[in-house]
Amino acid sequence: MKKNSKENSQTLCIHSGGEPDPVYGAVMPPIYQTSTFTFKSAEQGGRRFAGKEKGYIYTRLGNPTINALENAVASLECGKYALATSTGMSAVSTIFFALCSAGDHIVASSALYGATRVFLENELQRFGITTTFVDTSRKKEVEKAFQKNTKILYIETPTNPTLRISDIKWCADYAHKHKAILAVDNTFLSPILQKPLLLGADIVLHSVTKFLNGHSDVVGGIIVFNDEDLKEKVSKTLKHLGGTMDPHQAYLVFRGIKTLALRVLSAQENARKVAKFLKNHKAVQKVIYPEFEKDPEIKKVIKKQMNGPGALISFELKGGFEAGKKLLNSVKIMTLAVSLGGVESLIQHPASMTHSGVKREERIKAGITDGLVRLSVGCESFEDLSEDLKRALEKV
């Protein structure tokens, strides 16, 4: 994989997606806060509905502000097309409803965002679509899970919240060999640190709520493709389900992307230091962070497909869940809240929060133990973050 340079990513963040406003020359694309668009004639309206003429009809079907965001993210992911959605879960659900039918099968990472796993286990099963959950970092488990009716291999890498790394290129090759599609949730690393389409993935998706927006004030999702037919199939389902993005949402995320590279690299630098601090603390039993990976094969994968370890850390305290609870209640600068990827550091307990909807035995099997704490490191001063953790750990 040829990784983009930091300079290239930073430049793309600032300049991709939007063109100057054709009416007044505004540098930032205007917020086209409209539900519908006028036609010059009845004939033009007919042509647009028939697909014979390009142009806007109705914001659920397309909007200039939303398109600016879609173009920006597609460019960052080295893709050709993108579809913005109302939430991250709208992106997830649209992919499966668009590409699977009753009787189809999915193979997915066992450690996933909690709502994604619950959707696959509970909602899709009602429609006759089954899922096998495996540790997709282990190739033999993926091979064993595949069936003749497997339509999608769906992975998070790193996984949420166990930070396990899957080999995207191998997964893409294996899926394609069995006439399946590889979809990769790239939320945890963002296109600054990982570009799955360059490694053969068919679909990349994000919760733009997280790093892409970066300010904890918007929810949204996005799906990126290189194949036009695949994009059209998913687009049709998205429009029918109605989970499209609002122009004001799109404007805020587009604005957030301008500083994406700066934020991600700053947070990652903090995370590296925080991870080392935690690893050397006597109260900490285990720290999970890609930079600490010991498996030589996984280390090769990390070097091949990632531009850095990211800003997410998971760790366990020696006192288990009770110690973790005391830590969470003792931090002052870090914010006790779910989500991730904002400029502020967010700390939470997956077993009782984001992954509480997953059956305990399945959660434990996926590596999400009762005492696991997930920390999304932000852009504060490292000295302040380390002092905050030091004070909180003294109370454990």
Protein backbone atom coordinates (compact mmCIF):
# COMPACT_ATOMS: atom_id res chain seq x y z
CA MET A 1 0.00 0.00 0.00
CA LYS A 2 1.28 3.42 -0.91
CA LYS A 3 0.42 5.57 2.07
CA ASN A 4 -0.47 9.21 1.53
CA SER A 5 1.91 11.66 3.17
CA LYS A 6 0.78 13.76 6.10
CA GLU A 7 1.11 16.86 3.93
CA ASN A 8 -1.16 15.37 1.26
CA SER A 9 -3.82 14.42 3.81
CA GLN A 10 -3.68 17.83 5.45
CA THR A 11 -4.02 19.55 2.07
CA LEU A 12 -6.95 17.35 1.08
CA CYS A 13 -8.72 18.11 4.37
CA ILE A 14 -8.54 21.82 3.63
CA HIS A 15 -9.21 21.90 -0.11
CA SER A 16 -11.25 18.83 -1.11
CA GLY A 17 -14.97 18.75 -1.73
CA GLY A 18 -16.16 22.31 -2.02
CA GLU A 19 -16.00 24.73 -4.91
CA PRO A 20 -16.43 28.51 -4.46
CA ASP A 21 -20.08 29.56 -4.50
CA PRO A 22 -20.98 30.28 -8.16
CA VAL A 23 -23.31 33.14 -7.18
CA TYR A 24 -21.25 35.22 -4.75
CA GLY A 25 -17.89 33.45 -4.69
CA ALA A 26 -18.10 32.43 -1.01
CA VAL A 27 -15.05 30.35 -0.03
CA MET A 28 -17.15 27.92 2.05
CA PRO A 29 -20.13 26.20 0.39
CA PRO A 30 -23.40 27.78 1.53
CA ILE A 31 -25.92 25.85 3.62
CA TYR A 32 -28.66 25.11 1.10
CA GLN A 33 -31.32 24.71 3.80
CA THR A 34 -34.14 23.82 1.48
CA SER A 35 -36.45 20.86 1.13
CA THR A 36 -37.05 21.22 -2.61
CA PHE A 37 -35.61 22.84 -5.76
CA THR A 38 -37.42 24.69 -8.56
CA PHE A 39 -37.43 23.60 -12.21
CA LYS A 40 -37.22 26.02 -15.13
CA SER A 41 -39.95 24.12 -16.89
CA ALA A 42 -42.18 21.08 -16.58
CA GLU A 43 -40.01 19.43 -19.22
CA GLN A 44 -36.86 19.96 -17.13
CA GLY A 45 -38.58 18.48 -14.07
CA GLY A 46 -39.55 15.45 -16.11
CA ARG A 47 -36.02 14.99 -17.41
CA ARG A 48 -34.54 15.16 -13.91
CA PHE A 49 -36.97 12.63 -12.51
CA ALA A 50 -36.25 10.37 -15.46
CA GLY A 51 -32.52 10.64 -14.84
CA LYS A 52 -31.89 12.23 -18.23
CA GLU A 53 -30.64 15.52 -16.80
CA LYS A 54 -28.44 16.17 -13.80
CA GLY A 55 -29.70 18.58 -11.18
CA TYR A 56 -31.34 18.82 -7.80
CA ILE A 57 -34.93 17.81 -7.11
CA TYR A 58 -35.48 17.31 -3.38
CA THR A 59 -32.98 17.28 -0.50
CA ARG A 60 -33.62 13.63 0.41
CA LEU A 61 -32.40 12.83 -3.12
CA GLY A 62 -29.48 15.26 -3.22
CA ASN A 63 -28.34 18.68 -2.02
CA PRO A 64 -25.28 20.84 -2.89
CA THR A 65 -24.09 21.19 0.73
CA ILE A 66 -24.36 17.45 1.33
CA ASN A 67 -22.60 16.75 -1.97
CA ALA A 68 -19.67 18.96 -0.92
CA LEU A 69 -19.18 16.79 2.17
CA GLU A 70 -19.55 13.57 0.15
CA ASN A 71 -16.93 14.74 -2.35
CA ALA A 72 -14.53 15.71 0.42
CA VAL A 73 -14.71 12.36 2.22
CA ALA A 74 -14.55 10.38 -1.03
CA SER A 75 -11.36 12.27 -1.91
CA LEU A 76 -9.82 11.64 1.53
CA GLU A 77 -10.60 7.91 1.28
CA CYS A 78 -9.25 7.69 -2.29
CA GLY A 79 -12.76 6.78 -3.42
CA LYS A 80 -14.94 7.99 -6.29
CA TYR A 81 -18.35 8.20 -4.62
CA ALA A 82 -19.80 8.81 -1.16
CA LEU A 83 -23.26 8.87 0.41
CA ALA A 84 -23.84 10.91 3.58
CA THR A 85 -26.37 9.52 6.07
CA SER A 86 -28.30 10.89 9.04
CA THR A 87 -26.38 8.80 11.61
CA GLY A 88 -23.57 6.25 11.72
CA MET A 89 -26.13 3.50 12.28
CA SER A 90 -28.03 4.68 9.21
CA ALA A 91 -24.86 4.01 7.19
CA VAL A 92 -24.51 0.56 8.79
CA SER A 93 -28.14 -0.51 8.34
CA THR A 94 -28.40 0.85 4.79
CA ILE A 95 -25.47 -1.28 3.62
CA PHE A 96 -27.03 -4.49 4.88
CA PHE A 97 -30.57 -3.72 3.70
CA ALA A 98 -29.24 -2.74 0.27
CA LEU A 99 -26.99 -5.74 -0.28
CA CYS A 100 -28.60 -8.63 1.61
CA SER A 101 -31.85 -10.55 1.20
CA ALA A 102 -33.60 -13.27 3.18
CA GLY A 103 -31.39 -16.36 3.26
CA ASP A 104 -28.11 -14.44 2.98
CA HIS A 105 -25.25 -14.68 5.45
CA ILE A 106 -22.77 -12.17 6.88
CA VAL A 107 -19.39 -12.72 8.55
CA ALA A 108 -18.51 -9.92 10.97
CA SER A 109 -15.89 -9.00 13.55
CA SER A 110 -16.94 -10.28 16.97
CA ALA A 111 -15.87 -7.05 18.67
CA LEU A 112 -17.96 -4.35 16.99
CA TYR A 113 -19.64 -1.13 17.97
CA GLY A 114 -22.38 -2.36 20.30
CA ALA A 115 -25.32 -1.05 18.25
CA THR A 116 -23.92 -2.62 15.07
CA ARG A 117 -23.66 -6.02 16.73
CA VAL A 118 -27.17 -5.77 18.23
CA PHE A 119 -28.56 -4.74 14.81
CA LEU A 120 -26.95 -7.76 13.13
CA GLU A 121 -28.01 -10.17 15.88
CA ASN A 122 -31.54 -8.97 16.55
CA GLU A 123 -32.90 -6.89 13.69
CA LEU A 124 -31.50 -8.55 10.57
CA GLN A 125 -32.28 -11.99 11.92
CA ARG A 126 -35.99 -11.09 11.81
CA PHE A 127 -35.61 -10.77 8.03
CA GLY A 128 -33.89 -14.13 7.60
CA ILE A 129 -30.37 -12.71 7.34
CA THR A 130 -27.88 -14.48 9.62
CA THR A 131 -24.48 -13.42 10.95
CA THR A 132 -21.46 -15.35 12.22
CA PHE A 133 -19.20 -13.33 14.54
CA VAL A 134 -15.50 -14.18 14.60
CA ASP A 135 -12.17 -12.63 15.48
CA THR A 136 -11.40 -11.34 11.99
CA SER A 137 -7.77 -10.77 12.95
CA ARG A 138 -7.48 -14.58 12.81
CA LYS A 139 -7.64 -15.72 9.19
CA LYS A 140 -8.57 -19.31 10.00
CA GLU A 141 -11.64 -18.14 11.89
CA VAL A 142 -12.76 -16.10 8.88
CA GLU A 143 -12.24 -19.07 6.55
CA LYS A 144 -14.19 -21.37 8.86
CA ALA A 145 -17.08 -18.90 9.15
CA PHE A 146 -17.64 -18.39 5.42
CA GLN A 147 -20.64 -20.16 3.87
CA LYS A 148 -21.91 -20.56 0.31
CA ASN A 149 -24.48 -17.82 0.96
CA THR A 150 -22.06 -15.32 2.57
CA LYS A 151 -22.62 -11.94 0.92
CA ILE A 152 -20.63 -9.54 3.11
CA LEU A 153 -17.49 -9.69 5.21
CA TYR A 154 -17.89 -6.78 7.62
CA ILE A 155 -14.94 -5.68 9.73
CA GLU A 156 -13.81 -2.99 12.11
CA THR A 157 -10.07 -2.56 12.31
CA PRO A 158 -9.08 -1.67 14.93
CA THR A 159 -12.13 -3.23 16.59
CA ASN A 160 -14.32 -1.43 19.09
CA PRO A 161 -13.22 -1.50 21.91
CA THR A 162 -10.60 -4.29 21.88
CA LEU A 163 -8.42 -2.68 19.17
CA ARG A 164 -7.72 -5.93 17.33
CA ILE A 165 -6.24 -5.49 13.86
CA SER A 166 -7.49 -7.33 10.78
CA ASP A 167 -5.54 -7.62 7.52
CA ILE A 168 -7.69 -5.59 5.13
CA LYS A 169 -5.98 -6.77 1.95
CA TRP A 170 -6.25 -10.43 2.93
CA CYS A 171 -9.90 -9.97 3.92
CA ALA A 172 -10.64 -8.27 0.58
CA ASP A 173 -8.92 -11.01 -1.42
CA TYR A 174 -10.68 -13.77 0.51
CA ALA A 175 -14.10 -12.13 0.24
CA HIS A 176 -13.72 -11.55 -3.50
CA LYS A 177 -12.55 -15.13 -4.02
CA HIS A 178 -15.90 -16.21 -2.56
CA LYS A 179 -17.92 -13.56 -4.47
CA ALA A 180 -18.57 -11.56 -1.32
CA ILE A 181 -18.10 -7.85 -0.56
CA LEU A 182 -15.71 -6.44 2.04
CA ALA A 183 -17.06 -3.52 4.07
CA VAL A 184 -14.73 -1.76 6.52
CA ASP A 185 -15.77 0.57 9.31
CA ASN A 186 -12.87 3.06 9.35
CA THR A 187 -14.24 5.28 12.12
CA PHE A 188 -11.47 4.55 14.65
CA LEU A 189 -8.54 5.64 12.46
CA SER A 190 -10.13 8.01 9.93
CA PRO A 191 -8.69 8.38 6.40
CA ILE A 192 -5.71 10.20 7.91
CA LEU A 193 -4.35 6.94 9.33
CA GLN A 194 -5.93 4.24 7.13
CA LYS A 195 -7.38 3.99 3.61
CA PRO A 196 -9.13 0.62 3.16
CA LEU A 197 -10.17 1.20 -0.46
CA LEU A 198 -6.50 1.22 -1.47
CA LEU A 199 -6.22 -2.27 0.04
CA GLY A 200 -9.15 -3.73 -1.89
CA ALA A 201 -12.17 -2.97 0.30
CA ASP A 202 -15.42 -2.45 -1.62
CA ILE A 203 -17.07 -0.19 0.93
CA VAL A 204 -15.71 2.08 3.64
CA LEU A 205 -18.02 3.66 6.19
CA HIS A 206 -17.70 6.11 9.04
CA SER A 207 -19.68 7.48 11.89
CA VAL A 208 -18.86 11.09 11.01
CA THR A 209 -20.01 11.88 14.55
CA LYS A 210 -16.50 10.90 15.62
CA PHE A 211 -13.18 12.04 14.11
CA LEU A 212 -14.48 13.45 10.82
CA ASN A 213 -16.62 16.03 12.60
CA GLY A 214 -14.45 16.08 15.71
CA HIS A 215 -16.40 18.47 17.94
CA SER A 216 -19.07 16.25 19.56
CA ASP A 217 -21.92 18.40 18.22
CA VAL A 218 -23.20 16.45 15.20
CA VAL A 219 -24.31 12.88 14.51
CA GLY A 220 -24.02 11.44 11.01
CA GLY A 221 -22.57 8.71 8.83
CA ILE A 222 -21.02 8.27 5.41
CA ILE A 223 -20.44 5.39 2.98
CA VAL A 224 -17.63 5.50 0.38
CA PHE A 225 -17.20 3.43 -2.82
CA ASN A 226 -15.14 3.09 -5.97
CA ASP A 227 -17.70 1.00 -7.89
CA GLU A 228 -20.54 3.00 -9.44
CA ASP A 229 -22.99 0.08 -9.65
CA LEU A 230 -22.48 -0.71 -5.97
CA LYS A 231 -22.95 2.96 -5.10
CA GLU A 232 -26.19 3.17 -7.11
CA LYS A 233 -27.60 0.07 -5.43
CA VAL A 234 -26.90 1.41 -1.95
CA SER A 235 -28.02 4.93 -2.90
CA LYS A 236 -31.42 3.69 -4.04
CA THR A 237 -32.00 1.90 -0.72
CA LEU A 238 -30.77 4.89 1.29
CA LYS A 239 -33.23 7.22 -0.45
CA HIS A 240 -36.11 4.80 0.07
CA LEU A 241 -35.30 4.25 3.75
CA GLY A 242 -34.96 8.00 4.20
CA GLY A 243 -31.81 7.99 6.33
CA THR A 244 -30.14 10.80 4.38
CA MET A 245 -28.24 13.70 5.92
CA ASP A 246 -29.51 17.21 6.57
CA PRO A 247 -27.70 20.17 4.91
CA HIS A 248 -26.86 21.82 8.24
CA GLN A 249 -25.34 18.57 9.53
CA ALA A 250 -23.30 18.33 6.34
CA TYR A 251 -22.03 21.90 6.66
CA LEU A 252 -20.80 21.34 10.23
CA VAL A 253 -19.01 18.09 9.34
CA PHE A 254 -17.48 19.68 6.22
CA ARG A 255 -16.23 22.47 8.47
CA GLY A 256 -14.83 19.94 10.95
CA ILE A 257 -12.89 18.11 8.24
CA LYS A 258 -10.78 21.22 7.63
CA THR A 259 -8.89 20.42 10.86
CA LEU A 260 -9.17 16.61 10.70
CA ALA A 261 -5.48 15.92 10.09
CA LEU A 262 -4.36 18.40 12.73
CA ARG A 263 -6.74 16.93 15.33
CA VAL A 264 -6.02 13.27 14.58
CA LEU A 265 -2.25 13.70 14.66
CA SER A 266 -2.37 15.78 17.83
CA ALA A 267 -4.66 13.30 19.61
CA GLN A 268 -2.51 10.38 18.44
CA GLU A 269 0.63 11.97 19.87
CA ASN A 270 -1.16 12.41 23.20
CA ALA A 271 -2.45 8.82 23.07
CA ARG A 272 1.07 7.43 22.58
CA LYS A 273 2.22 9.21 25.72
CA VAL A 274 -0.89 8.31 27.74
CA ALA A 275 -0.60 4.63 26.72
CA LYS A 276 3.02 4.54 27.95
CA PHE A 277 1.99 6.26 31.18
CA LEU A 278 -0.76 3.69 31.80
CA LYS A 279 1.48 0.77 30.87
CA ASN A 280 4.01 1.79 33.54
CA HIS A 281 1.46 2.43 36.30
CA LYS A 282 1.27 -0.09 39.14
CA ALA A 283 -2.56 -0.02 39.25
CA VAL A 284 -2.93 -1.00 35.59
CA GLN A 285 -3.09 -4.68 34.68
CA LYS A 286 -3.21 -4.43 30.89
CA VAL A 287 -3.07 -1.74 28.20
CA ILE A 288 -4.37 -2.45 24.68
CA TYR A 289 -2.89 -0.12 22.07
CA PRO A 290 -1.71 -0.99 18.52
CA GLU A 291 1.79 0.30 19.21
CA PHE A 292 2.20 -2.38 21.91
CA GLU A 293 1.26 -5.29 19.62
CA LYS A 294 3.59 -8.28 20.11
CA ASP A 295 2.34 -10.72 17.45
CA PRO A 296 4.88 -10.45 14.57
CA GLU A 297 2.25 -11.09 11.88
CA ILE A 298 -0.10 -8.43 13.24
CA LYS A 299 2.83 -6.03 13.55
CA LYS A 300 3.47 -6.51 9.82
CA VAL A 301 -0.18 -5.77 9.07
CA ILE A 302 -0.07 -2.60 11.18
CA LYS A 303 3.03 -1.42 9.35
CA LYS A 304 1.44 -2.21 5.98
CA GLN A 305 -1.97 -0.62 6.37
CA MET A 306 -1.83 1.98 9.15
CA ASN A 307 -0.15 5.39 9.25
CA GLY A 308 -0.19 5.35 13.05
CA PRO A 309 -1.71 3.67 16.11
CA GLY A 310 -4.55 6.16 16.54
CA ALA A 311 -6.03 7.91 19.57
CA LEU A 312 -8.02 5.06 21.19
CA ILE A 313 -6.73 3.12 24.19
CA SER A 314 -8.39 0.29 26.11
CA PHE A 315 -7.08 -0.84 29.49
CA GLU A 316 -7.92 -2.86 32.57
CA LEU A 317 -7.13 -2.04 36.17
CA LYS A 318 -5.96 -4.67 38.65
CA GLY A 319 -9.05 -4.06 40.75
CA GLY A 320 -11.42 -4.96 37.89
CA PHE A 321 -14.74 -3.22 37.31
CA GLU A 322 -15.02 -1.65 40.77
CA ALA A 323 -11.61 -0.05 40.36
CA GLY A 324 -12.56 1.10 36.88
CA LYS A 325 -15.77 2.64 38.20
CA LYS A 326 -13.82 4.55 40.83
CA LEU A 327 -11.41 5.78 38.14
CA LEU A 328 -14.26 6.96 35.92
CA ASN A 329 -15.84 8.82 38.84
CA SER A 330 -12.53 10.46 39.81
CA VAL A 331 -11.29 12.04 36.55
CA LYS A 332 -11.76 15.80 36.29
CA ILE A 333 -10.41 16.84 32.89
CA MET A 334 -11.41 13.72 30.95
CA THR A 335 -15.13 13.57 30.25
CA LEU A 336 -17.16 10.55 31.37
CA ALA A 337 -19.18 10.01 28.20
CA VAL A 338 -19.59 7.59 25.32
CA SER A 339 -18.54 8.37 21.74
CA LEU A 340 -15.01 9.20 20.61
CA GLY A 341 -12.97 11.28 18.22
CA GLY A 342 -13.73 14.70 19.68
CA VAL A 343 -11.17 17.30 20.67
CA GLU A 344 -11.93 16.42 24.29
CA SER A 345 -10.81 13.16 25.93
CA LEU A 346 -13.74 10.81 26.56
CA ILE A 347 -13.62 7.85 28.94
CA GLN A 348 -16.25 5.14 29.34
CA HIS A 349 -16.97 1.56 30.44
CA PRO A 350 -18.07 -0.55 27.43
CA ALA A 351 -19.60 -3.45 29.40
CA SER A 352 -22.15 -1.21 31.12
CA MET A 353 -22.47 1.45 28.42
CA THR A 354 -21.80 1.07 24.67
CA HIS A 355 -21.85 -2.75 24.68
CA SER A 356 -24.46 -3.36 27.37
CA GLY A 357 -26.89 -4.66 24.71
CA VAL A 358 -24.53 -7.54 23.81
CA LYS A 359 -25.04 -10.80 25.71
CA ARG A 360 -22.43 -11.13 28.45
CA GLU A 361 -21.04 -14.46 27.24
CA GLU A 362 -20.69 -13.10 23.69
CA ARG A 363 -19.15 -9.89 24.99
CA ILE A 364 -16.56 -11.77 27.06
CA LYS A 365 -15.83 -14.07 24.12
CA ALA A 366 -15.13 -10.99 21.99
CA GLY A 367 -12.63 -9.73 24.57
CA ILE A 368 -14.88 -7.02 26.07
CA THR A 369 -14.37 -7.91 29.72
CA ASP A 370 -16.28 -6.48 32.68
CA GLY A 371 -13.30 -4.37 33.73
CA LEU A 372 -12.30 -2.95 30.34
CA VAL A 373 -12.13 0.86 30.14
CA ARG A 374 -12.05 2.68 26.78
CA LEU A 375 -10.33 6.03 26.48
CA SER A 376 -10.57 8.30 23.45
CA VAL A 377 -7.65 10.67 23.88
CA GLY A 378 -8.25 14.25 22.80
CA CYS A 379 -6.16 17.31 22.08
CA GLU A 380 -5.67 18.68 25.58
CA SER A 381 -2.20 19.19 27.06
CA PHE A 382 -0.59 15.82 27.81
CA GLU A 383 0.67 17.20 31.11
CA ASP A 384 -2.91 17.94 32.17
CA LEU A 385 -4.18 14.54 31.00
CA SER A 386 -1.44 12.60 32.76
CA GLU A 387 -1.93 14.59 35.97
CA ASP A 388 -5.68 13.92 35.79
CA LEU A 389 -5.08 10.18 35.39
CA LYS A 390 -2.42 10.17 38.11
CA ARG A 391 -4.80 11.78 40.63
CA ALA A 392 -7.67 9.46 39.67
CA LEU A 393 -5.50 6.32 39.83
CA GLU A 394 -4.35 7.26 43.33
CA LYS A 395 -7.97 6.89 44.47
CA VAL A 396 -8.31 3.40 42.97
